[in-house]
Amino acid sequence: MGMKDLQKFFGTIRVKMFWLCRELVYMYSPKKSFFSKKRIESSLAFIIGQWGMIFWLLEKHSEMSASDIAIWAGIEFAIAGYIMTEIQKEKKEVSRNTDDFEEPHIHS
């Protein structure tokens, strides 16, 4: 990989990171954003909750019985099912046209 290829590669990453940051800022402003504020926030809450449950499982697995593990797995599946149902419901309710949003432009 030559120096010109590296410059193009890192330039592309820089442009995409700028676009990502701009869209995240637009998410909390009156301007239209490519991302859904509700979906980003619920995803972060889900990830934090999953981290907590996995940490708890790793700490307590030696003390848990088979029924405790089955209950824990059931709770995990219920949460995942709820999240998937909400995402699908949102997709049906809101039909967004992504042509309105500005994609990052890569200059060759």
PDB file of N, CA and C in Angstrom:
ATOM      1  N   MET A   1       0.852  -1.170   0.000  1.00  0.00           N
ATOM      2  CA  MET A   1       0.000   0.000   0.000  1.00  0.00           C
ATOM      3  C   MET A   1       0.897   1.232   0.000  1.00  0.00           C
ATOM      4  N   GLY A   2       0.742   2.055  -0.996  1.00  0.00           N
ATOM      5  CA  GLY A   2       1.572   3.243  -1.121  1.00  0.00           C
ATOM      6  C   GLY A   2       1.066   4.387  -0.263  1.00  0.00           C
ATOM      7  N   MET A   3       1.852   5.451  -0.228  1.00  0.00           N
ATOM      8  CA  MET A   3       1.511   6.619   0.581  1.00  0.00           C
ATOM      9  C   MET A   3       0.212   7.272   0.096  1.00  0.00           C
ATOM     10  N   LYS A   4       0.017   7.304  -1.218  1.00  0.00           N
ATOM     11  CA  LYS A   4      -1.197   7.908  -1.777  1.00  0.00           C
ATOM     12  C   LYS A   4      -2.438   7.110  -1.366  1.00  0.00           C
ATOM     13  N   ASP A   5      -2.310   5.775  -1.352  1.00  0.00           N
ATOM     14  CA  ASP A   5      -3.425   4.928  -0.926  1.00  0.00           C
ATOM     15  C   ASP A   5      -3.752   5.151   0.545  1.00  0.00           C
ATOM     16  N   LEU A   6      -2.729   5.288   1.376  1.00  0.00           N
ATOM     17  CA  LEU A   6      -2.947   5.546   2.802  1.00  0.00           C
ATOM     18  C   LEU A   6      -3.631   6.888   3.019  1.00  0.00           C
ATOM     19  N   GLN A   7      -3.200   7.906   2.280  1.00  0.00           N
ATOM     20  CA  GLN A   7      -3.820   9.228   2.411  1.00  0.00           C
ATOM     21  C   GLN A   7      -5.287   9.167   1.996  1.00  0.00           C
ATOM     22  N   LYS A   8      -5.592   8.443   0.939  1.00  0.00           N
ATOM     23  CA  LYS A   8      -6.972   8.303   0.482  1.00  0.00           C
ATOM     24  C   LYS A   8      -7.805   7.550   1.516  1.00  0.00           C
ATOM     25  N   PHE A   9      -7.223   6.479   2.078  1.00  0.00           N
ATOM     26  CA  PHE A   9      -7.918   5.678   3.083  1.00  0.00           C
ATOM     27  C   PHE A   9      -8.248   6.516   4.314  1.00  0.00           C
ATOM     28  N   PHE A  10      -7.255   7.232   4.855  1.00  0.00           N
ATOM     29  CA  PHE A  10      -7.490   8.032   6.056  1.00  0.00           C
ATOM     30  C   PHE A  10      -8.343   9.255   5.754  1.00  0.00           C
ATOM     31  N   GLY A  11      -8.269   9.776   4.548  1.00  0.00           N
ATOM     32  CA  GLY A  11      -9.141  10.877   4.152  1.00  0.00           C
ATOM     33  C   GLY A  11     -10.588  10.426   4.118  1.00  0.00           C
ATOM     34  N   THR A  12     -10.830   9.219   3.622  1.00  0.00           N
ATOM     35  CA  THR A  12     -12.179   8.661   3.569  1.00  0.00           C
ATOM     36  C   THR A  12     -12.727   8.473   4.973  1.00  0.00           C
ATOM     37  N   ILE A  13     -11.907   7.947   5.861  1.00  0.00           N
ATOM     38  CA  ILE A  13     -12.333   7.760   7.253  1.00  0.00           C
ATOM     39  C   ILE A  13     -12.655   9.106   7.894  1.00  0.00           C
ATOM     40  N   ARG A  14     -11.828  10.107   7.638  1.00  0.00           N
ATOM     41  CA  ARG A  14     -12.035  11.431   8.218  1.00  0.00           C
ATOM     42  C   ARG A  14     -13.365  12.017   7.754  1.00  0.00           C
ATOM     43  N   VAL A  15     -13.668  11.883   6.465  1.00  0.00           N
ATOM     44  CA  VAL A  15     -14.916  12.411   5.916  1.00  0.00           C
ATOM     45  C   VAL A  15     -16.112  11.687   6.538  1.00  0.00           C
ATOM     46  N   LYS A  16     -16.026  10.369   6.658  1.00  0.00           N
ATOM     47  CA  LYS A  16     -17.137   9.604   7.231  1.00  0.00           C
ATOM     48  C   LYS A  16     -17.317   9.916   8.715  1.00  0.00           C
ATOM     49  N   MET A  17     -16.236  10.100   9.446  1.00  0.00           N
ATOM     50  CA  MET A  17     -16.339  10.447  10.864  1.00  0.00           C
ATOM     51  C   MET A  17     -16.956  11.834  11.030  1.00  0.00           C
ATOM     52  N   PHE A  18     -16.582  12.774  10.170  1.00  0.00           N
ATOM     53  CA  PHE A  18     -17.172  14.110  10.218  1.00  0.00           C
ATOM     54  C   PHE A  18     -18.674  14.019   9.969  1.00  0.00           C
ATOM     55  N   TRP A  19     -19.075  13.230   8.965  1.00  0.00           N
ATOM     56  CA  TRP A  19     -20.489  13.061   8.647  1.00  0.00           C
ATOM     57  C   TRP A  19     -21.228  12.445   9.833  1.00  0.00           C
ATOM     58  N   LEU A  20     -20.640  11.411  10.444  1.00  0.00           N
ATOM     59  CA  LEU A  20     -21.255  10.747  11.591  1.00  0.00           C
ATOM     60  C   LEU A  20     -21.456  11.729  12.743  1.00  0.00           C
ATOM     61  N   CYS A  21     -20.414  12.489  13.062  1.00  0.00           N
ATOM     62  CA  CYS A  21     -20.514  13.465  14.163  1.00  0.00           C
ATOM     63  C   CYS A  21     -21.566  14.521  13.863  1.00  0.00           C
ATOM     64  N   ARG A  22     -21.599  15.000  12.619  1.00  0.00           N
ATOM     65  CA  ARG A  22     -22.573  16.023  12.241  1.00  0.00           C
ATOM     66  C   ARG A  22     -23.998  15.481  12.380  1.00  0.00           C
ATOM     67  N   GLU A  23     -24.226  14.247  11.939  1.00  0.00           N
ATOM     68  CA  GLU A  23     -25.561  13.668  12.033  1.00  0.00           C
ATOM     69  C   GLU A  23     -25.965  13.430  13.484  1.00  0.00           C
ATOM     70  N   LEU A  24     -25.011  13.069  14.341  1.00  0.00           N
ATOM     71  CA  LEU A  24     -25.324  12.899  15.759  1.00  0.00           C
ATOM     72  C   LEU A  24     -25.690  14.232  16.396  1.00  0.00           C
ATOM     73  N   VAL A  25     -25.020  15.305  15.988  1.00  0.00           N
ATOM     74  CA  VAL A  25     -25.369  16.645  16.490  1.00  0.00           C
ATOM     75  C   VAL A  25     -26.749  17.040  15.968  1.00  0.00           C
ATOM     76  N   TYR A  26     -27.034  16.775  14.694  1.00  0.00           N
ATOM     77  CA  TYR A  26     -28.338  17.088  14.115  1.00  0.00           C
ATOM     78  C   TYR A  26     -29.459  16.343  14.832  1.00  0.00           C
ATOM     79  N   MET A  27     -29.155  15.185  15.387  1.00  0.00           N
ATOM     80  CA  MET A  27     -30.146  14.378  16.070  1.00  0.00           C
ATOM     81  C   MET A  27     -30.779  15.150  17.231  1.00  0.00           C
ATOM     82  N   TYR A  28     -29.995  16.006  17.890  1.00  0.00           N
ATOM     83  CA  TYR A  28     -30.495  16.775  19.032  1.00  0.00           C
ATOM     84  C   TYR A  28     -30.781  18.225  18.675  1.00  0.00           C
ATOM     85  N   SER A  29     -30.836  18.535  17.390  1.00  0.00           N
ATOM     86  CA  SER A  29     -31.164  19.878  16.943  1.00  0.00           C
ATOM     87  C   SER A  29     -32.462  19.814  16.130  1.00  0.00           C
ATOM     88  N   PRO A  30     -33.007  20.962  15.761  1.00  0.00           N
ATOM     89  CA  PRO A  30     -34.232  20.953  14.953  1.00  0.00           C
ATOM     90  C   PRO A  30     -34.021  20.435  13.517  1.00  0.00           C
ATOM     91  N   LYS A  31     -32.770  20.322  13.075  1.00  0.00           N
ATOM     92  CA  LYS A  31     -32.492  19.858  11.715  1.00  0.00           C
ATOM     93  C   LYS A  31     -32.777  18.361  11.605  1.00  0.00           C
ATOM     94  N   LYS A  32     -33.088  17.919  10.377  1.00  0.00           N
ATOM     95  CA  LYS A  32     -33.319  16.491  10.131  1.00  0.00           C
ATOM     96  C   LYS A  32     -32.003  15.732  10.236  1.00  0.00           C
ATOM     97  N   SER A  33     -32.072  14.567  10.826  1.00  0.00           N
ATOM     98  CA  SER A  33     -30.891  13.725  10.994  1.00  0.00           C
ATOM     99  C   SER A  33     -31.117  12.377  10.326  1.00  0.00           C
ATOM    100  N   PHE A  34     -30.045  11.764   9.909  1.00  0.00           N
ATOM    101  CA  PHE A  34     -30.103  10.427   9.311  1.00  0.00           C
ATOM    102  C   PHE A  34     -30.486   9.397  10.366  1.00  0.00           C
ATOM    103  N   PHE A  35     -30.150   9.660  11.632  1.00  0.00           N
ATOM    104  CA  PHE A  35     -30.386   8.721  12.727  1.00  0.00           C
ATOM    105  C   PHE A  35     -31.648   9.074  13.496  1.00  0.00           C
ATOM    106  N   SER A  36     -32.272   8.061  14.068  1.00  0.00           N
ATOM    107  CA  SER A  36     -33.445   8.235  14.915  1.00  0.00           C
ATOM    108  C   SER A  36     -32.980   8.379  16.363  1.00  0.00           C
ATOM    109  N   LYS A  37     -33.316   9.512  16.982  1.00  0.00           N
ATOM    110  CA  LYS A  37     -32.921   9.769  18.367  1.00  0.00           C
ATOM    111  C   LYS A  37     -33.483   8.693  19.292  1.00  0.00           C
ATOM    112  N   LYS A  38     -34.732   8.315  19.066  1.00  0.00           N
ATOM    113  CA  LYS A  38     -35.379   7.299  19.896  1.00  0.00           C
ATOM    114  C   LYS A  38     -34.648   5.959  19.778  1.00  0.00           C
ATOM    115  N   ARG A  39     -34.278   5.592  18.560  1.00  0.00           N
ATOM    116  CA  ARG A  39     -33.624   4.299  18.349  1.00  0.00           C
ATOM    117  C   ARG A  39     -32.213   4.293  18.951  1.00  0.00           C
ATOM    118  N   ILE A  40     -31.470   5.380  18.804  1.00  0.00           N
ATOM    119  CA  ILE A  40     -30.121   5.455  19.380  1.00  0.00           C
ATOM    120  C   ILE A  40     -30.194   5.366  20.897  1.00  0.00           C
ATOM    121  N   GLU A  41     -31.098   6.123  21.504  1.00  0.00           N
ATOM    122  CA  GLU A  41     -31.203   6.115  22.961  1.00  0.00           C
ATOM    123  C   GLU A  41     -31.667   4.754  23.487  1.00  0.00           C
ATOM    124  N   SER A  42     -32.616   4.118  22.806  1.00  0.00           N
ATOM    125  CA  SER A  42     -33.073   2.802  23.280  1.00  0.00           C
ATOM    126  C   SER A  42     -31.983   1.751  23.071  1.00  0.00           C
ATOM    127  N   SER A  43     -31.188   1.891  22.014  1.00  0.00           N
ATOM    128  CA  SER A  43     -30.081   0.955  21.793  1.00  0.00           C
ATOM    129  C   SER A  43     -29.028   1.091  22.884  1.00  0.00           C
ATOM    130  N   LEU A  44     -28.704   2.321  23.252  1.00  0.00           N
ATOM    131  CA  LEU A  44     -27.731   2.532  24.335  1.00  0.00           C
ATOM    132  C   LEU A  44     -28.250   1.960  25.654  1.00  0.00           C
ATOM    133  N   ALA A  45     -29.526   2.174  25.943  1.00  0.00           N
ATOM    134  CA  ALA A  45     -30.109   1.627  27.172  1.00  0.00           C
ATOM    135  C   ALA A  45     -30.069   0.100  27.148  1.00  0.00           C
ATOM    136  N   PHE A  46     -30.355  -0.491  25.984  1.00  0.00           N
ATOM    137  CA  PHE A  46     -30.327  -1.946  25.849  1.00  0.00           C
ATOM    138  C   PHE A  46     -28.913  -2.484  26.066  1.00  0.00           C
ATOM    139  N   ILE A  47     -27.916  -1.835  25.476  1.00  0.00           N
ATOM    140  CA  ILE A  47     -26.522  -2.280  25.618  1.00  0.00           C
ATOM    141  C   ILE A  47     -26.074  -2.187  27.073  1.00  0.00           C
ATOM    142  N   ILE A  48     -26.424  -1.096  27.738  1.00  0.00           N
ATOM    143  CA  ILE A  48     -26.051  -0.933  29.143  1.00  0.00           C
ATOM    144  C   ILE A  48     -26.736  -1.999  30.001  1.00  0.00           C
ATOM    145  N   GLY A  49     -28.019  -2.254  29.724  1.00  0.00           N
ATOM    146  CA  GLY A  49     -28.748  -3.294  30.460  1.00  0.00           C
ATOM    147  C   GLY A  49     -28.159  -4.679  30.235  1.00  0.00           C
ATOM    148  N   GLN A  50     -27.792  -4.967  28.992  1.00  0.00           N
ATOM    149  CA  GLN A  50     -27.181  -6.259  28.679  1.00  0.00           C
ATOM    150  C   GLN A  50     -25.838  -6.415  29.384  1.00  0.00           C
ATOM    151  N   TRP A  51     -25.050  -5.361  29.394  1.00  0.00           N
ATOM    152  CA  TRP A  51     -23.763  -5.419  30.082  1.00  0.00           C
ATOM    153  C   TRP A  51     -23.982  -5.735  31.563  1.00  0.00           C
ATOM    154  N   GLY A  52     -24.972  -5.087  32.152  1.00  0.00           N
ATOM    155  CA  GLY A  52     -25.257  -5.329  33.571  1.00  0.00           C
ATOM    156  C   GLY A  52     -25.691  -6.762  33.830  1.00  0.00           C
ATOM    157  N   MET A  53     -26.546  -7.289  32.957  1.00  0.00           N
ATOM    158  CA  MET A  53     -27.019  -8.666  33.156  1.00  0.00           C
ATOM    159  C   MET A  53     -25.902  -9.684  32.939  1.00  0.00           C
ATOM    160  N   ILE A  54     -25.058  -9.450  31.968  1.00  0.00           N
ATOM    161  CA  ILE A  54     -23.936 -10.366  31.718  1.00  0.00           C
ATOM    162  C   ILE A  54     -22.942 -10.307  32.876  1.00  0.00           C
ATOM    163  N   PHE A  55     -22.661  -9.106  33.374  1.00  0.00           N
ATOM    164  CA  PHE A  55     -21.768  -8.958  34.522  1.00  0.00           C
ATOM    165  C   PHE A  55     -22.345  -9.706  35.730  1.00  0.00           C
ATOM    166  N   TRP A  56     -23.646  -9.537  35.962  1.00  0.00           N
ATOM    167  CA  TRP A  56     -24.293 -10.220  37.079  1.00  0.00           C
ATOM    168  C   TRP A  56     -24.193 -11.728  36.909  1.00  0.00           C
ATOM    169  N   LEU A  57     -24.433 -12.230  35.694  1.00  0.00           N
ATOM    170  CA  LEU A  57     -24.349 -13.666  35.429  1.00  0.00           C
ATOM    171  C   LEU A  57     -22.936 -14.185  35.687  1.00  0.00           C
ATOM    172  N   LEU A  58     -21.931 -13.440  35.229  1.00  0.00           N
ATOM    173  CA  LEU A  58     -20.548 -13.882  35.434  1.00  0.00           C
ATOM    174  C   LEU A  58     -20.174 -13.923  36.914  1.00  0.00           C
ATOM    175  N   GLU A  59     -20.741 -13.018  37.693  1.00  0.00           N
ATOM    176  CA  GLU A  59     -20.444 -12.981  39.126  1.00  0.00           C
ATOM    177  C   GLU A  59     -21.195 -14.069  39.903  1.00  0.00           C
ATOM    178  N   LYS A  60     -22.392 -14.400  39.461  1.00  0.00           N
ATOM    179  CA  LYS A  60     -23.262 -15.286  40.241  1.00  0.00           C
ATOM    180  C   LYS A  60     -23.417 -16.682  39.648  1.00  0.00           C
ATOM    181  N   HIS A  61     -22.798 -17.005  38.520  1.00  0.00           N
ATOM    182  CA  HIS A  61     -23.074 -18.282  37.852  1.00  0.00           C
ATOM    183  C   HIS A  61     -22.742 -19.504  38.706  1.00  0.00           C
ATOM    184  N   SER A  62     -21.769 -19.389  39.587  1.00  0.00           N
ATOM    185  CA  SER A  62     -21.412 -20.554  40.413  1.00  0.00           C
ATOM    186  C   SER A  62     -22.479 -20.847  41.475  1.00  0.00           C
ATOM    187  N   GLU A  63     -23.259 -19.848  41.848  1.00  0.00           N
ATOM    188  CA  GLU A  63     -24.299 -20.012  42.872  1.00  0.00           C
ATOM    189  C   GLU A  63     -25.671 -20.316  42.273  1.00  0.00           C
ATOM    190  N   MET A  64     -25.795 -20.282  40.942  1.00  0.00           N
ATOM    191  CA  MET A  64     -27.106 -20.405  40.305  1.00  0.00           C
ATOM    192  C   MET A  64     -27.451 -21.866  40.008  1.00  0.00           C
ATOM    193  N   SER A  65     -28.731 -22.157  40.159  1.00  0.00           N
ATOM    194  CA  SER A  65     -29.216 -23.496  39.793  1.00  0.00           C
ATOM    195  C   SER A  65     -29.658 -23.467  38.321  1.00  0.00           C
ATOM    196  N   ALA A  66     -30.036 -24.621  37.802  1.00  0.00           N
ATOM    197  CA  ALA A  66     -30.484 -24.697  36.405  1.00  0.00           C
ATOM    198  C   ALA A  66     -31.748 -23.865  36.190  1.00  0.00           C
ATOM    199  N   SER A  67     -32.646 -23.860  37.170  1.00  0.00           N
ATOM    200  CA  SER A  67     -33.871 -23.062  37.016  1.00  0.00           C
ATOM    201  C   SER A  67     -33.563 -21.564  37.044  1.00  0.00           C
ATOM    202  N   ASP A  68     -32.576 -21.147  37.851  1.00  0.00           N
ATOM    203  CA  ASP A  68     -32.176 -19.736  37.859  1.00  0.00           C
ATOM    204  C   ASP A  68     -31.632 -19.317  36.495  1.00  0.00           C
ATOM    205  N   ILE A  69     -30.831 -20.172  35.892  1.00  0.00           N
ATOM    206  CA  ILE A  69     -30.263 -19.874  34.574  1.00  0.00           C
ATOM    207  C   ILE A  69     -31.368 -19.834  33.526  1.00  0.00           C
ATOM    208  N   ALA A  70     -32.351 -20.752  33.635  1.00  0.00           N
ATOM    209  CA  ALA A  70     -33.476 -20.752  32.692  1.00  0.00           C
ATOM    210  C   ALA A  70     -34.299 -19.472  32.823  1.00  0.00           C
ATOM    211  N   ILE A  71     -34.524 -19.020  34.038  1.00  0.00           N
ATOM    212  CA  ILE A  71     -35.257 -17.765  34.263  1.00  0.00           C
ATOM    213  C   ILE A  71     -34.473 -16.594  33.690  1.00  0.00           C
ATOM    214  N   TRP A  72     -33.163 -16.574  33.938  1.00  0.00           N
ATOM    215  CA  TRP A  72     -32.305 -15.506  33.413  1.00  0.00           C
ATOM    216  C   TRP A  72     -32.366 -15.485  31.883  1.00  0.00           C
ATOM    217  N   ALA A  73     -32.281 -16.658  31.242  1.00  0.00           N
ATOM    218  CA  ALA A  73     -32.345 -16.734  29.784  1.00  0.00           C
ATOM    219  C   ALA A  73     -33.718 -16.289  29.284  1.00  0.00           C
ATOM    220  N   GLY A  74     -34.770 -16.646  29.990  1.00  0.00           N
ATOM    221  CA  GLY A  74     -36.114 -16.212  29.614  1.00  0.00           C
ATOM    222  C   GLY A  74     -36.264 -14.703  29.650  1.00  0.00           C
ATOM    223  N   ILE A  75     -35.700 -14.082  30.677  1.00  0.00           N
ATOM    224  CA  ILE A  75     -35.732 -12.618  30.774  1.00  0.00           C
ATOM    225  C   ILE A  75     -34.965 -12.002  29.606  1.00  0.00           C
ATOM    226  N   GLU A  76     -33.821 -12.581  29.281  1.00  0.00           N
ATOM    227  CA  GLU A  76     -33.023 -12.089  28.151  1.00  0.00           C
ATOM    228  C   GLU A  76     -33.820 -12.152  26.843  1.00  0.00           C
ATOM    229  N   PHE A  77     -34.466 -13.291  26.587  1.00  0.00           N
ATOM    230  CA  PHE A  77     -35.252 -13.443  25.362  1.00  0.00           C
ATOM    231  C   PHE A  77     -36.457 -12.506  25.346  1.00  0.00           C
ATOM    232  N   ALA A  78     -37.076 -12.297  26.496  1.00  0.00           N
ATOM    233  CA  ALA A  78     -38.218 -11.380  26.567  1.00  0.00           C
ATOM    234  C   ALA A  78     -37.795  -9.955  26.231  1.00  0.00           C
ATOM    235  N   ILE A  79     -36.652  -9.532  26.771  1.00  0.00           N
ATOM    236  CA  ILE A  79     -36.150  -8.183  26.477  1.00  0.00           C
ATOM    237  C   ILE A  79     -35.817  -8.055  24.998  1.00  0.00           C
ATOM    238  N   ALA A  80     -35.121  -9.040  24.455  1.00  0.00           N
ATOM    239  CA  ALA A  80     -34.755  -8.997  23.034  1.00  0.00           C
ATOM    240  C   ALA A  80     -36.000  -8.997  22.146  1.00  0.00           C
ATOM    241  N   GLY A  81     -37.001  -9.785  22.505  1.00  0.00           N
ATOM    242  CA  GLY A  81     -38.243  -9.810  21.739  1.00  0.00           C
ATOM    243  C   GLY A  81     -38.975  -8.490  21.784  1.00  0.00           C
ATOM    244  N   TYR A  82     -38.998  -7.877  22.955  1.00  0.00           N
ATOM    245  CA  TYR A  82     -39.650  -6.570  23.097  1.00  0.00           C
ATOM    246  C   TYR A  82     -38.957  -5.520  22.236  1.00  0.00           C
ATOM    247  N   ILE A  83     -37.629  -5.498  22.280  1.00  0.00           N
ATOM    248  CA  ILE A  83     -36.875  -4.528  21.481  1.00  0.00           C
ATOM    249  C   ILE A  83     -37.137  -4.745  19.994  1.00  0.00           C
ATOM    250  N   MET A  84     -37.100  -5.980  19.547  1.00  0.00           N
ATOM    251  CA  MET A  84     -37.346  -6.271  18.129  1.00  0.00           C
ATOM    252  C   MET A  84     -38.771  -5.866  17.720  1.00  0.00           C
ATOM    253  N   THR A  85     -39.746  -6.125  18.576  1.00  0.00           N
ATOM    254  CA  THR A  85     -41.130  -5.748  18.282  1.00  0.00           C
ATOM    255  C   THR A  85     -41.260  -4.232  18.148  1.00  0.00           C
ATOM    256  N   GLU A  86     -40.613  -3.505  19.056  1.00  0.00           N
ATOM    257  CA  GLU A  86     -40.670  -2.037  18.997  1.00  0.00           C
ATOM    258  C   GLU A  86     -40.007  -1.509  17.728  1.00  0.00           C
ATOM    259  N   ILE A  87     -38.885  -2.089  17.339  1.00  0.00           N
ATOM    260  CA  ILE A  87     -38.195  -1.650  16.124  1.00  0.00           C
ATOM    261  C   ILE A  87     -39.072  -1.914  14.907  1.00  0.00           C
ATOM    262  N   GLN A  88     -39.679  -3.093  14.837  1.00  0.00           N
ATOM    263  CA  GLN A  88     -40.536  -3.412  13.699  1.00  0.00           C
ATOM    264  C   GLN A  88     -41.768  -2.509  13.658  1.00  0.00           C
ATOM    265  N   LYS A  89     -42.323  -2.199  14.826  1.00  0.00           N
ATOM    266  CA  LYS A  89     -43.480  -1.314  14.896  1.00  0.00           C
ATOM    267  C   LYS A  89     -43.107   0.076  14.381  1.00  0.00           C
ATOM    268  N   GLU A  90     -41.919   0.551  14.774  1.00  0.00           N
ATOM    269  CA  GLU A  90     -41.466   1.862  14.329  1.00  0.00           C
ATOM    270  C   GLU A  90     -41.239   1.875  12.817  1.00  0.00           C
ATOM    271  N   LYS A  91     -40.714   0.788  12.279  1.00  0.00           N
ATOM    272  CA  LYS A  91     -40.496   0.708  10.833  1.00  0.00           C
ATOM    273  C   LYS A  91     -41.821   0.796  10.076  1.00  0.00           C
ATOM    274  N   LYS A  92     -42.859   0.165  10.605  1.00  0.00           N
ATOM    275  CA  LYS A  92     -44.166   0.194   9.942  1.00  0.00           C
ATOM    276  C   LYS A  92     -44.804   1.570  10.040  1.00  0.00           C
ATOM    277  N   GLU A  93     -44.638   2.229  11.200  1.00  0.00           N
ATOM    278  CA  GLU A  93     -45.279   3.528  11.425  1.00  0.00           C
ATOM    279  C   GLU A  93     -44.619   4.648  10.647  1.00  0.00           C
ATOM    280  N   VAL A  94     -43.305   4.626  10.598  1.00  0.00           N
ATOM    281  CA  VAL A  94     -42.575   5.733   9.990  1.00  0.00           C
ATOM    282  C   VAL A  94     -41.846   5.227   8.760  1.00  0.00           C
ATOM    283  N   SER A  95     -42.210   5.769   7.643  1.00  0.00           N
ATOM    284  CA  SER A  95     -41.520   5.433   6.402  1.00  0.00           C
ATOM    285  C   SER A  95     -40.665   6.643   6.041  1.00  0.00           C
ATOM    286  N   ARG A  96     -39.350   6.525   6.286  1.00  0.00           N
ATOM    287  CA  ARG A  96     -38.453   7.663   6.062  1.00  0.00           C
ATOM    288  C   ARG A  96     -37.810   7.558   4.693  1.00  0.00           C
ATOM    289  N   ASN A  97     -37.706   8.679   4.060  1.00  0.00           N
ATOM    290  CA  ASN A  97     -37.061   8.745   2.757  1.00  0.00           C
ATOM    291  C   ASN A  97     -35.618   9.189   2.967  1.00  0.00           C
ATOM    292  N   THR A  98     -34.665   8.295   2.793  1.00  0.00           N
ATOM    293  CA  THR A  98     -33.258   8.613   3.053  1.00  0.00           C
ATOM    294  C   THR A  98     -32.647   9.477   1.967  1.00  0.00           C
ATOM    295  N   ASP A  99     -33.384   9.747   0.883  1.00  0.00           N
ATOM    296  CA  ASP A  99     -32.859  10.617  -0.169  1.00  0.00           C
ATOM    297  C   ASP A  99     -32.734  12.054   0.315  1.00  0.00           C
ATOM    298  N   ASP A 100     -33.458  12.423   1.383  1.00  0.00           N
ATOM    299  CA  ASP A 100     -33.410  13.788   1.907  1.00  0.00           C
ATOM    300  C   ASP A 100     -32.132  14.068   2.677  1.00  0.00           C
ATOM    301  N   PHE A 101     -31.395  13.043   3.027  1.00  0.00           N
ATOM    302  CA  PHE A 101     -30.234  13.210   3.871  1.00  0.00           C
ATOM    303  C   PHE A 101     -28.964  13.247   3.045  1.00  0.00           C
ATOM    304  N   GLU A 102     -28.037  14.032   3.517  1.00  0.00           N
ATOM    305  CA  GLU A 102     -26.787  14.230   2.806  1.00  0.00           C
ATOM    306  C   GLU A 102     -25.792  13.149   3.195  1.00  0.00           C
ATOM    307  N   GLU A 103     -25.385  12.348   2.228  1.00  0.00           N
ATOM    308  CA  GLU A 103     -24.397  11.303   2.445  1.00  0.00           C
ATOM    309  C   GLU A 103     -22.992  11.906   2.386  1.00  0.00           C
ATOM    310  N   PRO A 104     -22.017  11.276   3.028  1.00  0.00           N
ATOM    311  CA  PRO A 104     -20.648  11.796   2.929  1.00  0.00           C
ATOM    312  C   PRO A 104     -20.129  11.642   1.509  1.00  0.00           C
ATOM    313  N   HIS A 105     -19.452  12.673   1.044  1.00  0.00           N
ATOM    314  CA  HIS A 105     -18.896  12.648  -0.299  1.00  0.00           C
ATOM    315  C   HIS A 105     -17.424  12.298  -0.225  1.00  0.00           C
ATOM    316  N   ILE A 106     -17.017  11.322  -1.005  1.00  0.00           N
ATOM    317  CA  ILE A 106     -15.624  10.882  -1.052  1.00  0.00           C
ATOM    318  C   ILE A 106     -14.985  11.522  -2.277  1.00  0.00           C
ATOM    319  N   HIS A 107     -13.930  12.283  -2.033  1.00  0.00           N
ATOM    320  CA  HIS A 107     -13.218  12.924  -3.126  1.00  0.00           C
ATOM    321  C   HIS A 107     -12.046  12.056  -3.530  1.00  0.00           C
ATOM    322  N   SER A 108     -11.946  11.742  -4.812  1.00  0.00           N
ATOM    323  CA  SER A 108     -10.833  10.909  -5.267  1.00  0.00           C
ATOM    324  C   SER A 108      -9.648  11.758  -5.626  1.00  0.00           C
TER     325      SER A 108
END
